[in-house]
Amino acid sequence: MIERRLYFVLGDVVCALVVGGVAGVVGALLVSPAWNMWIAMAVGMVAGMAVATPLAFAFLPLFGAMEVMVPAMTCGMFSGMWVAMAGAMRPLGPGAGLRGGMLIGLVVLAAIYALNAWLRVRGDRRAPRAAA
């Protein structure tokens, strides 16, 4: 079942905003336009996951381990990666990294919720079907 309780949905949103924003700031601070975009992407992805791990542990006691770790790590990875790639194209300040990372975190969280809903509706097609 997709989480519908307001406490947990708001927890997911706050976690995505915090992790995405911090990963975006780190990505913006690490990378400059002198970097190769592919290297910036890899460094931003690793930095985003490194940032997401301790931040996710702060949310674990409140919302549960699996419910927090998957979205937090994915938001951190994508936010760090995309902001670092943008930083390789043009100079980015910490404020732009924060705003970009928060936006990316929310988009990634929405995608996770949408994919979860799609998987729930689709079901497991490998499961044996009852004989007619």
N, C-alpha and C. Protein backbone atom coordinates (compact mmCIF):
# COMPACT_ATOMS: atom_id res chain seq x y z
N MET A 1 0.85 -1.18 0.00
CA MET A 1 0.00 0.00 0.00
C MET A 1 0.88 1.24 0.00
N ILE A 2 0.51 2.21 -0.78
CA ILE A 2 1.23 3.47 -0.82
C ILE A 2 0.91 4.24 0.45
N GLU A 3 1.94 4.84 1.01
CA GLU A 3 1.76 5.57 2.27
C GLU A 3 0.85 6.76 2.06
N ARG A 4 -0.22 6.84 2.87
CA ARG A 4 -1.16 7.94 2.77
C ARG A 4 -1.31 8.71 4.08
N ARG A 5 -0.70 8.19 5.14
CA ARG A 5 -0.81 8.90 6.41
C ARG A 5 0.03 10.18 6.34
N LEU A 6 -0.59 11.28 6.71
CA LEU A 6 0.00 12.60 6.53
C LEU A 6 1.36 12.73 7.22
N TYR A 7 1.52 12.15 8.39
CA TYR A 7 2.77 12.23 9.13
C TYR A 7 3.92 11.66 8.29
N PHE A 8 3.71 10.51 7.68
CA PHE A 8 4.77 9.85 6.92
C PHE A 8 4.99 10.51 5.55
N VAL A 9 3.93 10.98 4.94
CA VAL A 9 4.08 11.68 3.66
C VAL A 9 4.87 12.98 3.87
N LEU A 10 4.50 13.73 4.89
CA LEU A 10 5.25 14.96 5.20
C LEU A 10 6.69 14.65 5.59
N GLY A 11 6.90 13.54 6.29
CA GLY A 11 8.26 13.12 6.62
C GLY A 11 9.08 12.83 5.38
N ASP A 12 8.47 12.17 4.40
CA ASP A 12 9.16 11.92 3.13
C ASP A 12 9.50 13.22 2.43
N VAL A 13 8.57 14.16 2.43
CA VAL A 13 8.81 15.44 1.76
C VAL A 13 9.93 16.22 2.45
N VAL A 14 9.89 16.29 3.78
CA VAL A 14 10.93 17.01 4.52
C VAL A 14 12.29 16.35 4.31
N CYS A 15 12.32 15.03 4.35
CA CYS A 15 13.58 14.31 4.14
C CYS A 15 14.12 14.57 2.74
N ALA A 16 13.25 14.54 1.72
CA ALA A 16 13.68 14.80 0.34
C ALA A 16 14.21 16.23 0.20
N LEU A 17 13.53 17.19 0.83
CA LEU A 17 13.99 18.57 0.76
C LEU A 17 15.35 18.76 1.44
N VAL A 18 15.51 18.18 2.62
CA VAL A 18 16.76 18.35 3.36
C VAL A 18 17.90 17.65 2.64
N VAL A 19 17.71 16.38 2.30
CA VAL A 19 18.79 15.63 1.65
C VAL A 19 19.11 16.22 0.29
N GLY A 20 18.08 16.53 -0.51
CA GLY A 20 18.33 17.11 -1.83
C GLY A 20 19.01 18.45 -1.74
N GLY A 21 18.58 19.30 -0.80
CA GLY A 21 19.19 20.62 -0.65
C GLY A 21 20.64 20.55 -0.23
N VAL A 22 20.93 19.72 0.77
CA VAL A 22 22.33 19.62 1.24
C VAL A 22 23.21 18.98 0.17
N ALA A 23 22.71 17.96 -0.51
CA ALA A 23 23.49 17.35 -1.59
C ALA A 23 23.73 18.34 -2.72
N GLY A 24 22.74 19.18 -3.01
CA GLY A 24 22.91 20.20 -4.03
C GLY A 24 23.96 21.24 -3.66
N VAL A 25 23.95 21.65 -2.39
CA VAL A 25 24.97 22.62 -1.93
C VAL A 25 26.36 22.00 -2.04
N VAL A 26 26.49 20.76 -1.61
CA VAL A 26 27.80 20.10 -1.68
C VAL A 26 28.24 19.95 -3.14
N GLY A 27 27.31 19.57 -4.02
CA GLY A 27 27.64 19.46 -5.44
C GLY A 27 28.07 20.79 -6.04
N ALA A 28 27.39 21.86 -5.65
CA ALA A 28 27.74 23.19 -6.17
C ALA A 28 29.10 23.66 -5.64
N LEU A 29 29.41 23.31 -4.41
CA LEU A 29 30.69 23.74 -3.83
C LEU A 29 31.88 22.93 -4.34
N LEU A 30 31.64 21.68 -4.70
CA LEU A 30 32.74 20.81 -5.14
C LEU A 30 33.19 21.07 -6.57
N VAL A 31 32.27 21.43 -7.42
CA VAL A 31 32.54 21.43 -8.86
C VAL A 31 32.60 22.86 -9.40
N SER A 32 33.50 23.08 -10.34
CA SER A 32 33.60 24.37 -11.02
C SER A 32 33.49 24.12 -12.53
N PRO A 33 33.32 25.17 -13.32
CA PRO A 33 33.23 24.98 -14.76
C PRO A 33 34.50 24.41 -15.40
N ALA A 34 35.59 24.36 -14.68
CA ALA A 34 36.82 23.77 -15.21
C ALA A 34 36.75 22.25 -15.27
N TRP A 35 35.76 21.65 -14.60
CA TRP A 35 35.66 20.19 -14.53
C TRP A 35 35.05 19.62 -15.80
N ASN A 36 35.44 18.40 -16.10
CA ASN A 36 34.77 17.62 -17.13
C ASN A 36 33.39 17.23 -16.60
N MET A 37 32.36 17.30 -17.46
CA MET A 37 31.00 17.05 -16.99
C MET A 37 30.81 15.62 -16.50
N TRP A 38 31.43 14.64 -17.13
CA TRP A 38 31.26 13.24 -16.72
C TRP A 38 31.92 12.99 -15.36
N ILE A 39 33.07 13.58 -15.15
CA ILE A 39 33.73 13.43 -13.86
C ILE A 39 32.93 14.16 -12.78
N ALA A 40 32.40 15.34 -13.11
CA ALA A 40 31.57 16.09 -12.16
C ALA A 40 30.33 15.28 -11.79
N MET A 41 29.74 14.60 -12.77
CA MET A 41 28.56 13.79 -12.50
C MET A 41 28.90 12.66 -11.52
N ALA A 42 29.99 11.98 -11.74
CA ALA A 42 30.38 10.88 -10.86
C ALA A 42 30.72 11.37 -9.45
N VAL A 43 31.46 12.46 -9.37
CA VAL A 43 31.83 13.01 -8.06
C VAL A 43 30.58 13.50 -7.33
N GLY A 44 29.68 14.17 -8.04
CA GLY A 44 28.44 14.65 -7.43
C GLY A 44 27.55 13.53 -6.94
N MET A 45 27.50 12.44 -7.70
CA MET A 45 26.69 11.29 -7.30
C MET A 45 27.24 10.67 -6.01
N VAL A 46 28.53 10.46 -5.94
CA VAL A 46 29.14 9.88 -4.74
C VAL A 46 29.01 10.84 -3.55
N ALA A 47 29.23 12.12 -3.80
CA ALA A 47 29.09 13.10 -2.71
C ALA A 47 27.65 13.17 -2.22
N GLY A 48 26.69 13.09 -3.13
CA GLY A 48 25.28 13.10 -2.74
C GLY A 48 24.91 11.91 -1.88
N MET A 49 25.43 10.74 -2.23
CA MET A 49 25.15 9.55 -1.41
C MET A 49 25.86 9.63 -0.07
N ALA A 50 27.07 10.20 -0.07
CA ALA A 50 27.79 10.35 1.20
C ALA A 50 27.08 11.34 2.12
N VAL A 51 26.46 12.35 1.56
CA VAL A 51 25.70 13.32 2.35
C VAL A 51 24.40 12.69 2.83
N ALA A 52 23.77 11.90 1.97
CA ALA A 52 22.45 11.32 2.29
C ALA A 52 22.52 10.31 3.42
N THR A 53 23.61 9.61 3.55
CA THR A 53 23.67 8.56 4.57
C THR A 53 23.51 9.09 5.99
N PRO A 54 24.31 10.05 6.45
CA PRO A 54 24.10 10.52 7.83
C PRO A 54 22.78 11.29 7.99
N LEU A 55 22.35 12.00 6.95
CA LEU A 55 21.08 12.71 7.05
C LEU A 55 19.91 11.73 7.15
N ALA A 56 19.98 10.63 6.43
CA ALA A 56 18.91 9.63 6.51
C ALA A 56 18.85 9.01 7.90
N PHE A 57 20.01 8.80 8.51
CA PHE A 57 20.02 8.23 9.86
C PHE A 57 19.34 9.15 10.87
N ALA A 58 19.32 10.45 10.60
CA ALA A 58 18.61 11.36 11.49
C ALA A 58 17.10 11.17 11.40
N PHE A 59 16.61 10.73 10.24
CA PHE A 59 15.17 10.54 10.05
C PHE A 59 14.71 9.12 10.39
N LEU A 60 15.62 8.18 10.51
CA LEU A 60 15.24 6.77 10.76
C LEU A 60 14.39 6.56 12.00
N PRO A 61 14.74 7.13 13.15
CA PRO A 61 13.91 6.86 14.33
C PRO A 61 12.47 7.38 14.21
N LEU A 62 12.28 8.37 13.37
CA LEU A 62 10.96 8.98 13.24
C LEU A 62 10.06 8.28 12.23
N PHE A 63 10.66 7.72 11.16
CA PHE A 63 9.84 7.24 10.05
C PHE A 63 10.11 5.81 9.62
N GLY A 64 11.13 5.17 10.13
CA GLY A 64 11.43 3.79 9.76
C GLY A 64 12.57 3.71 8.77
N ALA A 65 13.25 2.58 8.76
CA ALA A 65 14.48 2.44 7.97
C ALA A 65 14.23 2.37 6.47
N MET A 66 13.46 1.42 6.01
CA MET A 66 13.28 1.25 4.57
C MET A 66 12.49 2.41 3.97
N GLU A 67 11.59 2.97 4.75
CA GLU A 67 10.77 4.07 4.26
C GLU A 67 11.59 5.33 4.04
N VAL A 68 12.72 5.44 4.72
CA VAL A 68 13.55 6.63 4.60
C VAL A 68 14.76 6.39 3.70
N MET A 69 15.41 5.25 3.83
CA MET A 69 16.69 5.04 3.15
C MET A 69 16.56 5.07 1.62
N VAL A 70 15.55 4.43 1.07
CA VAL A 70 15.44 4.39 -0.39
C VAL A 70 15.22 5.78 -0.97
N PRO A 71 14.21 6.55 -0.51
CA PRO A 71 14.06 7.89 -1.08
C PRO A 71 15.23 8.82 -0.75
N ALA A 72 15.77 8.75 0.45
CA ALA A 72 16.86 9.65 0.83
C ALA A 72 18.10 9.40 -0.02
N MET A 73 18.48 8.17 -0.19
CA MET A 73 19.67 7.87 -0.97
C MET A 73 19.47 8.23 -2.44
N THR A 74 18.27 7.98 -2.96
CA THR A 74 18.00 8.31 -4.36
C THR A 74 17.97 9.82 -4.56
N CYS A 75 17.34 10.54 -3.64
CA CYS A 75 17.31 12.00 -3.74
C CYS A 75 18.72 12.59 -3.63
N GLY A 76 19.51 12.08 -2.71
CA GLY A 76 20.88 12.57 -2.56
C GLY A 76 21.72 12.29 -3.79
N MET A 77 21.57 11.10 -4.35
CA MET A 77 22.35 10.73 -5.52
C MET A 77 22.00 11.62 -6.71
N PHE A 78 20.71 11.75 -7.00
CA PHE A 78 20.30 12.56 -8.16
C PHE A 78 20.59 14.04 -7.96
N SER A 79 20.32 14.57 -6.78
CA SER A 79 20.57 15.99 -6.53
C SER A 79 22.04 16.33 -6.66
N GLY A 80 22.89 15.54 -6.02
CA GLY A 80 24.33 15.79 -6.12
C GLY A 80 24.83 15.68 -7.54
N MET A 81 24.32 14.67 -8.26
CA MET A 81 24.77 14.43 -9.63
C MET A 81 24.34 15.57 -10.56
N TRP A 82 23.08 15.95 -10.51
CA TRP A 82 22.58 16.97 -11.43
C TRP A 82 23.12 18.35 -11.12
N VAL A 83 23.22 18.70 -9.85
CA VAL A 83 23.76 20.02 -9.51
C VAL A 83 25.24 20.08 -9.86
N ALA A 84 25.98 19.01 -9.65
CA ALA A 84 27.40 19.00 -10.02
C ALA A 84 27.56 19.11 -11.53
N MET A 85 26.70 18.45 -12.28
CA MET A 85 26.77 18.57 -13.74
C MET A 85 26.46 20.00 -14.18
N ALA A 86 25.47 20.64 -13.53
CA ALA A 86 25.17 22.03 -13.86
C ALA A 86 26.35 22.93 -13.48
N GLY A 87 27.01 22.61 -12.37
CA GLY A 87 28.18 23.38 -11.95
C GLY A 87 29.35 23.23 -12.89
N ALA A 88 29.40 22.14 -13.63
CA ALA A 88 30.47 21.96 -14.61
C ALA A 88 30.20 22.79 -15.87
N MET A 89 28.95 23.20 -16.06
CA MET A 89 28.62 24.01 -17.24
C MET A 89 28.73 25.50 -16.97
N ARG A 90 28.39 25.92 -15.75
CA ARG A 90 28.45 27.34 -15.39
C ARG A 90 28.65 27.44 -13.89
N PRO A 91 29.18 28.54 -13.40
CA PRO A 91 29.38 28.68 -11.95
C PRO A 91 28.05 28.68 -11.20
N LEU A 92 28.00 27.94 -10.12
CA LEU A 92 26.81 27.89 -9.27
C LEU A 92 27.22 28.26 -7.85
N GLY A 93 26.40 29.06 -7.22
CA GLY A 93 26.62 29.38 -5.82
C GLY A 93 25.89 28.39 -4.94
N PRO A 94 26.13 28.44 -3.63
CA PRO A 94 25.44 27.53 -2.72
C PRO A 94 23.93 27.70 -2.72
N GLY A 95 23.45 28.93 -2.91
CA GLY A 95 22.01 29.16 -2.94
C GLY A 95 21.35 28.49 -4.12
N ALA A 96 21.99 28.57 -5.28
CA ALA A 96 21.46 27.90 -6.46
C ALA A 96 21.52 26.39 -6.30
N GLY A 97 22.59 25.90 -5.67
CA GLY A 97 22.68 24.46 -5.40
C GLY A 97 21.60 23.99 -4.45
N LEU A 98 21.32 24.81 -3.43
CA LEU A 98 20.27 24.47 -2.47
C LEU A 98 18.91 24.41 -3.15
N ARG A 99 18.57 25.45 -3.91
CA ARG A 99 17.27 25.47 -4.58
C ARG A 99 17.15 24.34 -5.60
N GLY A 100 18.20 24.14 -6.39
CA GLY A 100 18.17 23.06 -7.39
C GLY A 100 18.08 21.70 -6.74
N GLY A 101 18.84 21.49 -5.69
CA GLY A 101 18.82 20.20 -5.00
C GLY A 101 17.47 19.91 -4.36
N MET A 102 16.85 20.93 -3.77
CA MET A 102 15.53 20.74 -3.17
C MET A 102 14.49 20.40 -4.24
N LEU A 103 14.55 21.08 -5.36
CA LEU A 103 13.61 20.80 -6.45
C LEU A 103 13.81 19.39 -6.99
N ILE A 104 15.05 19.02 -7.20
CA ILE A 104 15.35 17.68 -7.70
C ILE A 104 14.90 16.63 -6.69
N GLY A 105 15.12 16.89 -5.39
CA GLY A 105 14.67 15.96 -4.36
C GLY A 105 13.17 15.73 -4.41
N LEU A 106 12.39 16.81 -4.59
CA LEU A 106 10.93 16.66 -4.68
C LEU A 106 10.52 15.90 -5.94
N VAL A 107 11.18 16.17 -7.06
CA VAL A 107 10.85 15.46 -8.30
C VAL A 107 11.16 13.98 -8.17
N VAL A 108 12.30 13.66 -7.57
CA VAL A 108 12.67 12.25 -7.38
C VAL A 108 11.69 11.57 -6.43
N LEU A 109 11.29 12.24 -5.37
CA LEU A 109 10.31 11.66 -4.44
C LEU A 109 8.98 11.42 -5.15
N ALA A 110 8.54 12.36 -5.97
CA ALA A 110 7.30 12.16 -6.73
C ALA A 110 7.42 10.98 -7.68
N ALA A 111 8.58 10.83 -8.30
CA ALA A 111 8.80 9.69 -9.20
C ALA A 111 8.78 8.37 -8.42
N ILE A 112 9.34 8.36 -7.23
CA ILE A 112 9.33 7.15 -6.41
C ILE A 112 7.90 6.79 -6.03
N TYR A 113 7.10 7.77 -5.63
CA TYR A 113 5.70 7.51 -5.29
C TYR A 113 4.93 7.01 -6.52
N ALA A 114 5.16 7.63 -7.69
CA ALA A 114 4.47 7.21 -8.91
C ALA A 114 4.86 5.79 -9.32
N LEU A 115 6.14 5.48 -9.26
CA LEU A 115 6.57 4.12 -9.60
C LEU A 115 6.05 3.09 -8.62
N ASN A 116 5.98 3.45 -7.34
CA ASN A 116 5.43 2.55 -6.34
C ASN A 116 3.95 2.28 -6.64
N ALA A 117 3.20 3.32 -7.00
CA ALA A 117 1.79 3.15 -7.34
C ALA A 117 1.64 2.27 -8.58
N TRP A 118 2.49 2.50 -9.58
CA TRP A 118 2.42 1.70 -10.79
C TRP A 118 2.73 0.23 -10.50
N LEU A 119 3.73 -0.03 -9.67
CA LEU A 119 4.06 -1.41 -9.33
C LEU A 119 2.95 -2.07 -8.53
N ARG A 120 2.29 -1.33 -7.66
CA ARG A 120 1.18 -1.90 -6.89
C ARG A 120 0.01 -2.27 -7.79
N VAL A 121 -0.30 -1.43 -8.77
CA VAL A 121 -1.41 -1.72 -9.69
C VAL A 121 -1.03 -2.86 -10.61
N ARG A 122 0.18 -2.87 -11.09
CA ARG A 122 0.63 -3.88 -12.03
C ARG A 122 0.66 -5.26 -11.39
N GLY A 123 1.12 -5.33 -10.15
CA GLY A 123 1.22 -6.61 -9.47
C GLY A 123 2.42 -7.41 -9.92
N ASP A 124 2.55 -8.58 -9.38
CA ASP A 124 3.65 -9.48 -9.73
C ASP A 124 3.18 -10.43 -10.81
N ARG A 125 3.66 -10.26 -12.02
CA ARG A 125 3.23 -11.09 -13.14
C ARG A 125 3.85 -12.48 -13.12
N ARG A 126 4.84 -12.68 -12.25
CA ARG A 126 5.46 -14.00 -12.14
C ARG A 126 4.68 -14.92 -11.21
N ALA A 127 3.74 -14.35 -10.46
CA ALA A 127 2.98 -15.17 -9.50
C ALA A 127 2.08 -16.14 -10.25
N PRO A 128 1.94 -17.37 -9.73
CA PRO A 128 1.09 -18.32 -10.42
C PRO A 128 -0.38 -17.86 -10.41
N ARG A 129 -1.05 -18.08 -11.51
CA ARG A 129 -2.45 -17.68 -11.63
C ARG A 129 -3.33 -18.88 -11.35
N ALA A 130 -4.50 -18.60 -10.83
CA ALA A 130 -5.46 -19.68 -10.53
C ALA A 130 -5.97 -20.26 -11.83
N ALA A 131 -6.16 -21.57 -11.86
CA ALA A 131 -6.67 -22.23 -13.07
C ALA A 131 -8.14 -21.88 -13.24
N ALA A 132 -8.52 -21.62 -14.49
CA ALA A 132 -9.91 -21.24 -14.77
C ALA A 132 -10.79 -22.44 -14.97
